[in-house]
Amino acid sequence: MGTLAIDNEDLDSDIYLALGLKRLGKGAIGTPRILTLLSSLLEKSVQKNEMQIETVSAKVNIAIFHGLRVPTISIRQYIDRIFKYARCNPSCFLVAYIYLDRFGQQTDVQLTSRNVHRLLITSVMVAAKFIDDTYFNNAYYARVGGISTAELNRLEMKFLLSLDFRLQVSINTFQRYCLQLQKEGNQVERPIRACGIKESWPSKSDTQCAPTIAR
């Protein structure tokens, strides 16, 4: 089993706190910010890939991860569901994202709305098995992901083979991806802060900044 010591003194604790990878205290609650940023990155990647596929009339690679239809649950809702029921360390989601990046480099499979959900549940499960002290069996993750155990078993094996079983993540790599997600967060939140959105507003549909919010 692998370990990832994110409490090392050499690491940037402020970024870890900002991403929700380190708890502020026993009483701290809420959804780790990394889930929001990860879903934003994946949604942008899916939109970009599908626009390119549609533009150039490219053939979509019908891989084992490619579903027959687009799931009705959004990427953000799916990530929240996995976090709620799998109860894995928030760091698993960053490691899973690293695995997805490696998977994309090793294969010709691009993220689309028909494969991103299967790739997500598979990568998070593999990450949990590798870095968490405790984790559920494949049958449980399959129920969380909304697929059969047999299918998840096949996805896991294909995923591991595509990665050549390279699951180790160095501290430097972990830091680099943390910085990437932090940068993504700054890009998303900058127009919102400039617009002056406050939770106390009666409605976020106010027209003053609607074009900015819609982007």
N, C-alpha and C. Protein backbone atom coordinates (compact mmCIF):
# COMPACT_ATOMS: atom_id res chain seq x y z
N MET A 1 0.84 -1.20 0.00
CA MET A 1 0.00 0.00 0.00
C MET A 1 0.87 1.24 0.00
N GLY A 2 0.55 2.21 -0.80
CA GLY A 2 1.34 3.43 -0.87
C GLY A 2 0.92 4.42 0.19
N THR A 3 1.82 5.35 0.47
CA THR A 3 1.51 6.40 1.43
C THR A 3 1.84 7.74 0.82
N LEU A 4 1.16 8.76 1.28
CA LEU A 4 1.37 10.11 0.77
C LEU A 4 1.37 11.04 1.96
N ALA A 5 2.57 11.45 2.40
CA ALA A 5 2.69 12.25 3.62
C ALA A 5 2.48 13.73 3.31
N ILE A 6 1.24 14.16 3.32
CA ILE A 6 0.97 15.56 2.98
C ILE A 6 1.23 16.48 4.15
N ASP A 7 1.59 15.92 5.32
CA ASP A 7 1.90 16.76 6.48
C ASP A 7 3.39 17.09 6.56
N ASN A 8 4.15 16.70 5.57
CA ASN A 8 5.58 16.97 5.56
C ASN A 8 5.83 18.47 5.66
N GLU A 9 6.83 18.88 6.45
CA GLU A 9 7.08 20.29 6.69
C GLU A 9 7.50 21.03 5.43
N ASP A 10 8.03 20.30 4.44
CA ASP A 10 8.50 20.95 3.23
C ASP A 10 7.35 21.32 2.29
N LEU A 11 6.16 20.85 2.57
CA LEU A 11 5.05 21.09 1.67
C LEU A 11 4.34 22.39 2.01
N ASP A 12 3.62 22.92 1.04
CA ASP A 12 2.91 24.18 1.23
C ASP A 12 1.58 23.91 1.91
N SER A 13 1.57 24.08 3.24
CA SER A 13 0.38 23.77 4.02
C SER A 13 -0.78 24.69 3.67
N ASP A 14 -0.49 25.93 3.29
CA ASP A 14 -1.57 26.86 2.95
C ASP A 14 -2.40 26.35 1.77
N ILE A 15 -1.72 25.82 0.77
CA ILE A 15 -2.43 25.31 -0.41
C ILE A 15 -3.25 24.09 -0.02
N TYR A 16 -2.70 23.23 0.81
CA TYR A 16 -3.44 22.04 1.24
C TYR A 16 -4.69 22.42 2.02
N LEU A 17 -4.55 23.42 2.87
CA LEU A 17 -5.71 23.90 3.62
C LEU A 17 -6.75 24.49 2.68
N ALA A 18 -6.28 25.27 1.70
CA ALA A 18 -7.19 25.92 0.76
C ALA A 18 -7.95 24.89 -0.09
N LEU A 19 -7.30 23.78 -0.42
CA LEU A 19 -7.94 22.75 -1.23
C LEU A 19 -8.78 21.78 -0.40
N GLY A 20 -8.65 21.88 0.92
CA GLY A 20 -9.40 20.97 1.78
C GLY A 20 -8.73 19.63 1.96
N LEU A 21 -7.41 19.58 1.71
CA LEU A 21 -6.68 18.33 1.87
C LEU A 21 -6.18 18.12 3.30
N LYS A 22 -6.25 19.20 4.10
CA LYS A 22 -5.91 19.12 5.51
C LYS A 22 -7.04 19.74 6.31
N ARG A 23 -7.42 19.09 7.36
CA ARG A 23 -8.53 19.57 8.18
C ARG A 23 -8.07 20.68 9.11
N LEU A 24 -8.94 21.66 9.27
CA LEU A 24 -8.65 22.75 10.19
C LEU A 24 -8.78 22.32 11.64
N GLY A 25 -9.54 21.31 11.90
CA GLY A 25 -9.75 20.84 13.26
C GLY A 25 -10.80 19.75 13.28
N LYS A 26 -11.00 19.16 14.45
CA LYS A 26 -11.96 18.05 14.56
C LYS A 26 -13.38 18.50 14.23
N GLY A 27 -13.68 19.76 14.51
CA GLY A 27 -15.04 20.23 14.29
C GLY A 27 -15.29 20.73 12.89
N ALA A 28 -14.27 20.72 12.04
CA ALA A 28 -14.41 21.26 10.69
C ALA A 28 -15.34 20.37 9.86
N ILE A 29 -16.26 20.99 9.15
CA ILE A 29 -17.19 20.25 8.31
C ILE A 29 -17.27 20.92 6.95
N GLY A 30 -17.97 20.28 6.05
CA GLY A 30 -18.14 20.87 4.73
C GLY A 30 -17.48 20.03 3.65
N THR A 31 -17.70 20.45 2.42
CA THR A 31 -17.15 19.75 1.26
C THR A 31 -15.78 20.30 0.92
N PRO A 32 -14.77 19.45 0.78
CA PRO A 32 -13.43 19.94 0.41
C PRO A 32 -13.47 20.69 -0.92
N ARG A 33 -12.77 21.81 -0.97
CA ARG A 33 -12.78 22.66 -2.15
C ARG A 33 -12.23 21.93 -3.38
N ILE A 34 -11.40 20.95 -3.15
CA ILE A 34 -10.80 20.22 -4.27
C ILE A 34 -11.87 19.56 -5.13
N LEU A 35 -12.99 19.18 -4.54
CA LEU A 35 -14.05 18.53 -5.31
C LEU A 35 -14.66 19.48 -6.33
N THR A 36 -14.86 20.73 -5.90
CA THR A 36 -15.40 21.75 -6.81
C THR A 36 -14.43 22.03 -7.95
N LEU A 37 -13.15 22.18 -7.61
CA LEU A 37 -12.15 22.51 -8.63
C LEU A 37 -11.94 21.35 -9.59
N LEU A 38 -11.93 20.13 -9.06
CA LEU A 38 -11.75 18.97 -9.91
C LEU A 38 -12.91 18.81 -10.88
N SER A 39 -14.13 19.00 -10.40
CA SER A 39 -15.28 18.89 -11.29
C SER A 39 -15.24 19.97 -12.36
N SER A 40 -14.77 21.18 -12.01
CA SER A 40 -14.65 22.26 -12.98
C SER A 40 -13.65 21.91 -14.07
N LEU A 41 -12.51 21.38 -13.68
CA LEU A 41 -11.48 20.98 -14.65
C LEU A 41 -11.99 19.88 -15.58
N LEU A 42 -12.64 18.89 -15.02
CA LEU A 42 -13.14 17.78 -15.82
C LEU A 42 -14.24 18.22 -16.77
N GLU A 43 -15.13 19.09 -16.30
CA GLU A 43 -16.19 19.60 -17.16
C GLU A 43 -15.62 20.39 -18.34
N LYS A 44 -14.60 21.22 -18.07
CA LYS A 44 -13.97 21.98 -19.14
C LYS A 44 -13.30 21.05 -20.15
N SER A 45 -12.64 20.01 -19.64
CA SER A 45 -11.96 19.07 -20.51
C SER A 45 -12.96 18.33 -21.40
N VAL A 46 -14.06 17.88 -20.81
CA VAL A 46 -15.10 17.18 -21.58
C VAL A 46 -15.68 18.09 -22.65
N GLN A 47 -15.99 19.34 -22.30
CA GLN A 47 -16.56 20.28 -23.26
C GLN A 47 -15.59 20.55 -24.41
N LYS A 48 -14.32 20.72 -24.06
CA LYS A 48 -13.31 20.98 -25.09
C LYS A 48 -13.16 19.80 -26.04
N ASN A 49 -13.07 18.60 -25.47
CA ASN A 49 -12.90 17.40 -26.29
C ASN A 49 -14.10 17.17 -27.20
N GLU A 50 -15.30 17.36 -26.68
CA GLU A 50 -16.49 17.09 -27.48
C GLU A 50 -16.68 18.15 -28.56
N MET A 51 -16.24 19.38 -28.29
CA MET A 51 -16.30 20.41 -29.33
C MET A 51 -15.34 20.06 -30.47
N GLN A 52 -14.15 19.57 -30.12
CA GLN A 52 -13.17 19.20 -31.14
C GLN A 52 -13.66 18.00 -31.94
N ILE A 53 -14.25 17.03 -31.25
CA ILE A 53 -14.78 15.85 -31.94
C ILE A 53 -15.88 16.24 -32.90
N GLU A 54 -16.75 17.14 -32.46
CA GLU A 54 -17.86 17.58 -33.31
C GLU A 54 -17.36 18.42 -34.48
N THR A 55 -16.33 19.23 -34.23
CA THR A 55 -15.83 20.13 -35.26
C THR A 55 -15.15 19.38 -36.39
N VAL A 56 -14.31 18.44 -36.04
CA VAL A 56 -13.53 17.75 -37.07
C VAL A 56 -14.16 16.41 -37.47
N SER A 57 -15.34 16.14 -36.91
CA SER A 57 -16.03 14.87 -37.22
C SER A 57 -15.15 13.67 -36.93
N ALA A 58 -14.41 13.77 -35.82
CA ALA A 58 -13.51 12.68 -35.46
C ALA A 58 -14.30 11.50 -34.91
N LYS A 59 -13.74 10.32 -35.05
CA LYS A 59 -14.37 9.13 -34.51
C LYS A 59 -14.04 9.02 -33.02
N VAL A 60 -15.07 8.80 -32.21
CA VAL A 60 -14.87 8.63 -30.78
C VAL A 60 -14.38 7.21 -30.52
N ASN A 61 -13.33 7.09 -29.75
CA ASN A 61 -12.79 5.78 -29.45
C ASN A 61 -13.77 5.03 -28.53
N ILE A 62 -14.37 3.96 -29.05
CA ILE A 62 -15.32 3.19 -28.26
C ILE A 62 -14.53 2.24 -27.37
N ALA A 63 -14.04 2.75 -26.25
CA ALA A 63 -13.27 1.94 -25.33
C ALA A 63 -14.20 1.32 -24.30
N ILE A 64 -13.64 0.52 -23.43
CA ILE A 64 -14.42 -0.15 -22.41
C ILE A 64 -15.09 0.84 -21.47
N PHE A 65 -14.53 2.04 -21.37
CA PHE A 65 -15.08 3.06 -20.47
C PHE A 65 -16.22 3.86 -21.11
N HIS A 66 -16.45 3.65 -22.37
CA HIS A 66 -17.42 4.46 -23.11
C HIS A 66 -18.81 3.88 -22.96
N GLY A 67 -19.73 4.64 -22.34
CA GLY A 67 -21.09 4.18 -22.15
C GLY A 67 -21.95 4.38 -23.39
N LEU A 68 -23.08 3.70 -23.43
CA LEU A 68 -23.98 3.80 -24.57
C LEU A 68 -24.74 5.12 -24.57
N ARG A 69 -24.91 5.70 -23.39
CA ARG A 69 -25.64 6.96 -23.28
C ARG A 69 -25.00 7.83 -22.21
N VAL A 70 -25.30 9.12 -22.26
CA VAL A 70 -24.76 10.07 -21.28
C VAL A 70 -25.53 9.93 -19.97
N PRO A 71 -24.84 9.72 -18.86
CA PRO A 71 -25.52 9.63 -17.56
C PRO A 71 -26.27 10.92 -17.24
N THR A 72 -27.38 10.78 -16.51
CA THR A 72 -28.17 11.95 -16.16
C THR A 72 -27.54 12.75 -15.02
N ILE A 73 -26.67 12.13 -14.26
CA ILE A 73 -26.02 12.81 -13.14
C ILE A 73 -24.82 13.60 -13.64
N SER A 74 -24.66 14.82 -13.15
CA SER A 74 -23.55 15.66 -13.60
C SER A 74 -22.23 15.20 -12.99
N ILE A 75 -21.14 15.70 -13.53
CA ILE A 75 -19.82 15.36 -13.00
C ILE A 75 -19.71 15.79 -11.54
N ARG A 76 -20.14 17.01 -11.24
CA ARG A 76 -20.07 17.51 -9.86
C ARG A 76 -20.90 16.66 -8.91
N GLN A 77 -22.12 16.31 -9.32
CA GLN A 77 -22.98 15.48 -8.48
C GLN A 77 -22.37 14.09 -8.27
N TYR A 78 -21.73 13.58 -9.31
CA TYR A 78 -21.11 12.25 -9.23
C TYR A 78 -19.93 12.27 -8.27
N ILE A 79 -19.10 13.30 -8.36
CA ILE A 79 -17.96 13.43 -7.46
C ILE A 79 -18.44 13.56 -6.02
N ASP A 80 -19.47 14.37 -5.80
CA ASP A 80 -20.02 14.53 -4.45
C ASP A 80 -20.56 13.20 -3.93
N ARG A 81 -21.19 12.43 -4.81
CA ARG A 81 -21.73 11.13 -4.40
C ARG A 81 -20.60 10.18 -3.99
N ILE A 82 -19.54 10.15 -4.78
CA ILE A 82 -18.40 9.28 -4.46
C ILE A 82 -17.80 9.69 -3.13
N PHE A 83 -17.63 10.99 -2.92
CA PHE A 83 -17.04 11.46 -1.67
C PHE A 83 -17.92 11.12 -0.47
N LYS A 84 -19.22 11.24 -0.64
CA LYS A 84 -20.16 10.98 0.46
C LYS A 84 -20.17 9.53 0.87
N TYR A 85 -20.22 8.62 -0.10
CA TYR A 85 -20.41 7.22 0.22
C TYR A 85 -19.10 6.41 0.29
N ALA A 86 -18.10 6.80 -0.48
CA ALA A 86 -16.83 6.06 -0.44
C ALA A 86 -16.01 6.43 0.79
N ARG A 87 -16.24 7.64 1.29
CA ARG A 87 -15.59 8.12 2.52
C ARG A 87 -14.07 7.98 2.47
N CYS A 88 -13.51 8.29 1.33
CA CYS A 88 -12.05 8.23 1.20
C CYS A 88 -11.45 9.59 1.50
N ASN A 89 -10.16 9.59 1.74
CA ASN A 89 -9.42 10.82 2.01
C ASN A 89 -9.55 11.77 0.81
N PRO A 90 -9.74 13.08 1.04
CA PRO A 90 -9.81 14.02 -0.08
C PRO A 90 -8.60 13.93 -1.02
N SER A 91 -7.46 13.53 -0.48
CA SER A 91 -6.26 13.39 -1.32
C SER A 91 -6.46 12.35 -2.41
N CYS A 92 -7.38 11.40 -2.18
CA CYS A 92 -7.65 10.37 -3.19
C CYS A 92 -8.12 10.99 -4.49
N PHE A 93 -8.86 12.10 -4.39
CA PHE A 93 -9.39 12.72 -5.60
C PHE A 93 -8.28 13.41 -6.40
N LEU A 94 -7.29 13.95 -5.70
CA LEU A 94 -6.16 14.53 -6.42
C LEU A 94 -5.33 13.43 -7.07
N VAL A 95 -5.07 12.36 -6.33
CA VAL A 95 -4.32 11.23 -6.89
C VAL A 95 -5.09 10.62 -8.06
N ALA A 96 -6.40 10.53 -7.93
CA ALA A 96 -7.22 10.00 -9.03
C ALA A 96 -7.08 10.87 -10.27
N TYR A 97 -7.03 12.19 -10.07
CA TYR A 97 -6.86 13.10 -11.20
C TYR A 97 -5.50 12.89 -11.87
N ILE A 98 -4.47 12.65 -11.05
CA ILE A 98 -3.15 12.35 -11.59
C ILE A 98 -3.20 11.07 -12.42
N TYR A 99 -3.90 10.07 -11.91
CA TYR A 99 -4.04 8.82 -12.65
C TYR A 99 -4.78 9.04 -13.98
N LEU A 100 -5.82 9.88 -13.95
CA LEU A 100 -6.56 10.17 -15.18
C LEU A 100 -5.66 10.84 -16.21
N ASP A 101 -4.79 11.72 -15.74
CA ASP A 101 -3.86 12.39 -16.64
C ASP A 101 -2.90 11.38 -17.25
N ARG A 102 -2.39 10.49 -16.43
CA ARG A 102 -1.49 9.44 -16.93
C ARG A 102 -2.22 8.53 -17.92
N PHE A 103 -3.46 8.22 -17.60
CA PHE A 103 -4.26 7.37 -18.48
C PHE A 103 -4.42 8.01 -19.85
N GLY A 104 -4.69 9.32 -19.85
CA GLY A 104 -4.84 10.03 -21.12
C GLY A 104 -3.56 10.06 -21.93
N GLN A 105 -2.41 10.12 -21.23
CA GLN A 105 -1.13 10.14 -21.92
C GLN A 105 -0.77 8.77 -22.49
N GLN A 106 -1.24 7.72 -21.84
CA GLN A 106 -0.87 6.37 -22.26
C GLN A 106 -1.83 5.79 -23.29
N THR A 107 -3.01 6.38 -23.42
CA THR A 107 -4.01 5.85 -24.34
C THR A 107 -4.48 6.96 -25.28
N ASP A 108 -5.32 6.59 -26.22
CA ASP A 108 -5.90 7.59 -27.11
C ASP A 108 -7.33 7.91 -26.71
N VAL A 109 -7.69 7.59 -25.46
CA VAL A 109 -9.03 7.85 -24.95
C VAL A 109 -9.10 9.26 -24.37
N GLN A 110 -10.00 10.08 -24.90
CA GLN A 110 -10.23 11.43 -24.39
C GLN A 110 -11.46 11.44 -23.50
N LEU A 111 -11.45 12.32 -22.51
CA LEU A 111 -12.60 12.45 -21.62
C LEU A 111 -13.80 12.99 -22.38
N THR A 112 -14.91 12.29 -22.28
CA THR A 112 -16.17 12.75 -22.86
C THR A 112 -17.28 12.52 -21.84
N SER A 113 -18.45 13.01 -22.14
CA SER A 113 -19.58 12.84 -21.23
C SER A 113 -20.01 11.38 -21.12
N ARG A 114 -19.53 10.53 -22.01
CA ARG A 114 -19.92 9.13 -21.97
C ARG A 114 -18.90 8.22 -21.29
N ASN A 115 -17.71 8.75 -20.98
CA ASN A 115 -16.73 7.90 -20.30
C ASN A 115 -16.20 8.49 -19.00
N VAL A 116 -16.44 9.79 -18.74
CA VAL A 116 -15.83 10.44 -17.60
C VAL A 116 -16.31 9.86 -16.27
N HIS A 117 -17.58 9.43 -16.20
CA HIS A 117 -18.09 8.88 -14.95
C HIS A 117 -17.43 7.54 -14.61
N ARG A 118 -17.30 6.67 -15.60
CA ARG A 118 -16.67 5.38 -15.36
C ARG A 118 -15.19 5.55 -15.02
N LEU A 119 -14.54 6.49 -15.69
CA LEU A 119 -13.14 6.74 -15.39
C LEU A 119 -12.97 7.32 -13.98
N LEU A 120 -13.92 8.14 -13.56
CA LEU A 120 -13.86 8.73 -12.23
C LEU A 120 -13.97 7.68 -11.13
N ILE A 121 -14.99 6.86 -11.18
CA ILE A 121 -15.18 5.88 -10.11
C ILE A 121 -14.02 4.89 -10.09
N THR A 122 -13.50 4.56 -11.26
CA THR A 122 -12.37 3.62 -11.33
C THR A 122 -11.11 4.24 -10.75
N SER A 123 -10.81 5.47 -11.14
CA SER A 123 -9.58 6.11 -10.68
C SER A 123 -9.62 6.41 -9.19
N VAL A 124 -10.78 6.83 -8.68
CA VAL A 124 -10.88 7.10 -7.23
C VAL A 124 -10.75 5.80 -6.44
N MET A 125 -11.35 4.74 -6.93
CA MET A 125 -11.24 3.46 -6.24
C MET A 125 -9.80 2.98 -6.19
N VAL A 126 -9.12 3.08 -7.32
CA VAL A 126 -7.71 2.66 -7.36
C VAL A 126 -6.86 3.52 -6.43
N ALA A 127 -7.13 4.83 -6.42
CA ALA A 127 -6.38 5.73 -5.54
C ALA A 127 -6.63 5.40 -4.08
N ALA A 128 -7.88 5.13 -3.73
CA ALA A 128 -8.22 4.79 -2.34
C ALA A 128 -7.51 3.52 -1.91
N LYS A 129 -7.46 2.54 -2.79
CA LYS A 129 -6.78 1.29 -2.46
C LYS A 129 -5.29 1.50 -2.26
N PHE A 130 -4.74 2.48 -2.98
CA PHE A 130 -3.29 2.66 -2.94
C PHE A 130 -2.83 3.54 -1.78
N ILE A 131 -3.61 4.58 -1.42
CA ILE A 131 -3.10 5.52 -0.42
C ILE A 131 -3.87 5.51 0.90
N ASP A 132 -5.08 4.94 0.92
CA ASP A 132 -5.84 4.93 2.17
C ASP A 132 -5.55 3.67 2.97
N ASP A 133 -5.63 3.79 4.28
CA ASP A 133 -5.41 2.64 5.15
C ASP A 133 -6.58 1.66 5.08
N THR A 134 -7.78 2.19 4.91
CA THR A 134 -8.96 1.34 4.80
C THR A 134 -9.77 1.74 3.57
N TYR A 135 -10.41 0.78 2.96
CA TYR A 135 -11.22 1.05 1.77
C TYR A 135 -12.24 -0.08 1.61
N PHE A 136 -13.24 0.16 0.78
CA PHE A 136 -14.30 -0.82 0.55
C PHE A 136 -13.90 -1.78 -0.58
N ASN A 137 -14.70 -2.84 -0.74
CA ASN A 137 -14.44 -3.76 -1.84
C ASN A 137 -15.06 -3.25 -3.13
N ASN A 138 -14.76 -3.92 -4.22
CA ASN A 138 -15.23 -3.47 -5.53
C ASN A 138 -16.75 -3.45 -5.64
N ALA A 139 -17.41 -4.38 -4.96
CA ALA A 139 -18.87 -4.44 -5.04
C ALA A 139 -19.48 -3.16 -4.46
N TYR A 140 -18.89 -2.64 -3.40
CA TYR A 140 -19.41 -1.42 -2.79
C TYR A 140 -19.19 -0.22 -3.71
N TYR A 141 -17.96 -0.09 -4.25
CA TYR A 141 -17.69 1.02 -5.17
C TYR A 141 -18.56 0.94 -6.41
N ALA A 142 -18.88 -0.27 -6.85
CA ALA A 142 -19.75 -0.43 -8.01
C ALA A 142 -21.14 0.12 -7.72
N ARG A 143 -21.66 -0.14 -6.51
CA ARG A 143 -22.97 0.39 -6.14
C ARG A 143 -22.92 1.91 -6.06
N VAL A 144 -21.84 2.45 -5.51
CA VAL A 144 -21.69 3.91 -5.44
C VAL A 144 -21.65 4.50 -6.84
N GLY A 145 -20.95 3.83 -7.75
CA GLY A 145 -20.79 4.33 -9.11
C GLY A 145 -21.95 4.04 -10.03
N GLY A 146 -22.88 3.20 -9.60
CA GLY A 146 -24.05 2.91 -10.43
C GLY A 146 -23.78 1.93 -11.55
N ILE A 147 -22.80 1.06 -11.38
CA ILE A 147 -22.49 0.04 -12.38
C ILE A 147 -22.39 -1.31 -11.68
N SER A 148 -22.28 -2.38 -12.47
CA SER A 148 -22.19 -3.71 -11.89
C SER A 148 -20.77 -3.99 -11.39
N THR A 149 -20.67 -4.92 -10.47
CA THR A 149 -19.35 -5.29 -9.95
C THR A 149 -18.47 -5.88 -11.05
N ALA A 150 -19.07 -6.69 -11.89
CA ALA A 150 -18.31 -7.31 -12.99
C ALA A 150 -17.74 -6.24 -13.92
N GLU A 151 -18.55 -5.22 -14.19
CA GLU A 151 -18.07 -4.15 -15.08
C GLU A 151 -16.94 -3.37 -14.42
N LEU A 152 -17.09 -3.06 -13.14
CA LEU A 152 -16.04 -2.31 -12.45
C LEU A 152 -14.76 -3.12 -12.37
N ASN A 153 -14.87 -4.42 -12.20
CA ASN A 153 -13.68 -5.28 -12.20
C ASN A 153 -12.93 -5.17 -13.52
N ARG A 154 -13.68 -5.16 -14.62
CA ARG A 154 -13.06 -5.05 -15.94
C ARG A 154 -12.43 -3.67 -16.12
N LEU A 155 -13.13 -2.63 -15.66
CA LEU A 155 -12.61 -1.27 -15.78
C LEU A 155 -11.32 -1.11 -14.98
N GLU A 156 -11.32 -1.67 -13.79
CA GLU A 156 -10.12 -1.56 -12.95
C GLU A 156 -8.92 -2.22 -13.60
N MET A 157 -9.11 -3.42 -14.13
CA MET A 157 -7.99 -4.11 -14.76
C MET A 157 -7.49 -3.37 -15.99
N LYS A 158 -8.42 -2.86 -16.83
CA LYS A 158 -8.03 -2.10 -18.01
C LYS A 158 -7.29 -0.83 -17.60
N PHE A 159 -7.76 -0.18 -16.56
CA PHE A 159 -7.15 1.05 -16.08
C PHE A 159 -5.73 0.79 -15.59
N LEU A 160 -5.56 -0.25 -14.79
CA LEU A 160 -4.24 -0.59 -14.25
C LEU A 160 -3.26 -0.99 -15.36
N LEU A 161 -3.74 -1.76 -16.31
CA LEU A 161 -2.88 -2.16 -17.43
C LEU A 161 -2.47 -0.95 -18.26
N SER A 162 -3.40 -0.01 -18.46
CA SER A 162 -3.09 1.19 -19.23
C SER A 162 -2.04 2.05 -18.52
N LEU A 163 -2.05 2.01 -17.19
CA LEU A 163 -1.07 2.77 -16.41
C LEU A 163 0.23 1.99 -16.20
N ASP A 164 0.27 0.76 -16.71
CA ASP A 164 1.41 -0.13 -16.45
C ASP A 164 1.63 -0.30 -14.94
N PHE A 165 0.53 -0.21 -14.21
CA PHE A 165 0.54 -0.35 -12.75
C PHE A 165 1.44 0.70 -12.07
N ARG A 166 1.65 1.84 -12.72
CA ARG A 166 2.45 2.93 -12.13
C ARG A 166 1.52 3.79 -11.27
N LEU A 167 1.42 3.41 -10.02
CA LEU A 167 0.50 4.09 -9.12
C LEU A 167 1.21 5.02 -8.12
N GLN A 168 2.50 4.89 -8.01
CA GLN A 168 3.22 5.73 -7.07
C GLN A 168 3.16 7.20 -7.52
N VAL A 169 2.91 8.09 -6.58
CA VAL A 169 2.88 9.53 -6.85
C VAL A 169 3.89 10.20 -5.94
N SER A 170 4.87 10.85 -6.53
CA SER A 170 5.90 11.52 -5.74
C SER A 170 5.35 12.78 -5.09
N ILE A 171 6.04 13.26 -4.06
CA ILE A 171 5.63 14.49 -3.39
C ILE A 171 5.65 15.66 -4.37
N ASN A 172 6.68 15.71 -5.23
CA ASN A 172 6.78 16.80 -6.20
C ASN A 172 5.62 16.80 -7.18
N THR A 173 5.23 15.61 -7.63
CA THR A 173 4.09 15.51 -8.54
C THR A 173 2.80 15.92 -7.84
N PHE A 174 2.64 15.49 -6.60
CA PHE A 174 1.46 15.86 -5.83
C PHE A 174 1.37 17.37 -5.67
N GLN A 175 2.49 18.00 -5.35
CA GLN A 175 2.52 19.45 -5.20
C GLN A 175 2.17 20.15 -6.51
N ARG A 176 2.72 19.65 -7.61
CA ARG A 176 2.50 20.29 -8.91
C ARG A 176 1.02 20.28 -9.29
N TYR A 177 0.35 19.18 -9.03
CA TYR A 177 -1.07 19.11 -9.34
C TYR A 177 -1.90 19.95 -8.36
N CYS A 178 -1.43 20.08 -7.13
CA CYS A 178 -2.11 20.97 -6.18
C CYS A 178 -2.06 22.40 -6.69
N LEU A 179 -0.90 22.81 -7.18
CA LEU A 179 -0.75 24.17 -7.71
C LEU A 179 -1.64 24.37 -8.93
N GLN A 180 -1.76 23.32 -9.75
CA GLN A 180 -2.61 23.42 -10.94
C GLN A 180 -4.07 23.64 -10.54
N LEU A 181 -4.53 22.91 -9.54
CA LEU A 181 -5.90 23.06 -9.09
C LEU A 181 -6.11 24.41 -8.41
N GLN A 182 -5.10 24.86 -7.67
CA GLN A 182 -5.20 26.17 -7.04
C GLN A 182 -5.29 27.26 -8.10
N LYS A 183 -4.54 27.13 -9.18
CA LYS A 183 -4.60 28.09 -10.28
C LYS A 183 -5.97 28.07 -10.93
N GLU A 184 -6.54 26.88 -11.09
CA GLU A 184 -7.88 26.75 -11.64
C GLU A 184 -8.88 27.47 -10.75
N GLY A 185 -8.71 27.33 -9.45
CA GLY A 185 -9.60 27.99 -8.52
C GLY A 185 -9.53 29.50 -8.62
N ASN A 186 -8.32 30.02 -8.78
CA ASN A 186 -8.15 31.48 -8.91
C ASN A 186 -8.82 32.00 -10.18
N GLN A 187 -8.74 31.23 -11.26
CA GLN A 187 -9.34 31.65 -12.52
C GLN A 187 -10.86 31.64 -12.43
N VAL A 188 -11.41 30.68 -11.69
CA VAL A 188 -12.86 30.57 -11.57
C VAL A 188 -13.40 31.65 -10.64
N GLU A 189 -12.68 31.91 -9.55
CA GLU A 189 -13.19 32.79 -8.51
C GLU A 189 -12.91 34.26 -8.77
N ARG A 190 -11.94 34.57 -9.62
CA ARG A 190 -11.60 35.98 -9.86
C ARG A 190 -12.79 36.76 -10.42
N PRO A 191 -13.47 36.28 -11.49
CA PRO A 191 -14.62 37.05 -12.00
C PRO A 191 -15.76 37.13 -11.00
N ILE A 192 -15.89 36.11 -10.15
CA ILE A 192 -16.95 36.13 -9.15
C ILE A 192 -16.67 37.19 -8.10
N ARG A 193 -15.41 37.28 -7.66
CA ARG A 193 -15.06 38.29 -6.66
C ARG A 193 -15.19 39.69 -7.26
N ALA A 194 -14.80 39.83 -8.54
CA ALA A 194 -14.90 41.14 -9.19
C ALA A 194 -16.35 41.58 -9.29
N CYS A 195 -17.23 40.59 -9.41
CA CYS A 195 -18.65 40.89 -9.52
C CYS A 195 -19.28 41.19 -8.16
N GLY A 196 -18.60 40.78 -7.10
CA GLY A 196 -19.08 41.08 -5.76
C GLY A 196 -20.23 40.22 -5.30
N ILE A 197 -20.24 38.95 -5.72
CA ILE A 197 -21.31 38.05 -5.30
C ILE A 197 -21.21 37.77 -3.81
N LYS A 198 -22.32 37.83 -3.11
CA LYS A 198 -22.36 37.55 -1.68
C LYS A 198 -23.47 36.53 -1.42
N GLU A 199 -23.19 35.69 -0.41
CA GLU A 199 -24.19 34.68 -0.07
C GLU A 199 -25.49 35.33 0.42
N SER A 200 -25.40 36.58 0.91
CA SER A 200 -26.58 37.24 1.46
C SER A 200 -27.51 37.79 0.38
N TRP A 201 -27.05 37.76 -0.89
CA TRP A 201 -27.91 38.24 -1.97
C TRP A 201 -29.17 37.37 -2.02
N PRO A 202 -30.32 37.98 -2.24
CA PRO A 202 -31.54 37.18 -2.31
C PRO A 202 -31.56 36.23 -3.50
N SER A 203 -30.84 36.58 -4.55
CA SER A 203 -30.83 35.73 -5.73
C SER A 203 -29.59 36.00 -6.53
N LYS A 204 -28.99 34.95 -7.09
CA LYS A 204 -27.82 35.11 -7.94
C LYS A 204 -28.22 35.39 -9.39
N SER A 205 -29.47 35.61 -9.62
CA SER A 205 -29.94 35.90 -10.97
C SER A 205 -29.99 37.39 -11.24
N ASP A 206 -29.43 38.21 -10.31
CA ASP A 206 -29.40 39.65 -10.52
C ASP A 206 -28.72 39.95 -11.84
N THR A 207 -29.24 40.87 -12.60
CA THR A 207 -28.78 41.09 -13.97
C THR A 207 -27.48 41.87 -14.05
N GLN A 208 -27.04 42.51 -12.96
CA GLN A 208 -25.86 43.37 -13.05
C GLN A 208 -24.63 42.62 -13.53
N CYS A 209 -24.47 41.39 -13.07
CA CYS A 209 -23.27 40.63 -13.42
C CYS A 209 -23.62 39.31 -14.11
N ALA A 210 -24.79 39.18 -14.64
CA ALA A 210 -25.22 37.92 -15.24
C ALA A 210 -24.26 37.40 -16.32
N PRO A 211 -23.74 38.26 -17.24
CA PRO A 211 -22.83 37.73 -18.26
C PRO A 211 -21.58 37.11 -17.67
N THR A 212 -21.04 37.70 -16.59
CA THR A 212 -19.84 37.15 -15.96
C THR A 212 -20.12 35.82 -15.32
N ILE A 213 -21.22 35.70 -14.62
CA ILE A 213 -21.55 34.47 -13.93
C ILE A 213 -21.79 33.34 -14.92
N ALA A 214 -22.34 33.65 -16.06
CA ALA A 214 -22.73 32.63 -17.03
C ALA A 214 -21.55 31.99 -17.74
N ARG A 215 -20.37 32.63 -17.68
CA ARG A 215 -19.25 32.10 -18.44
C ARG A 215 -18.77 30.78 -17.85
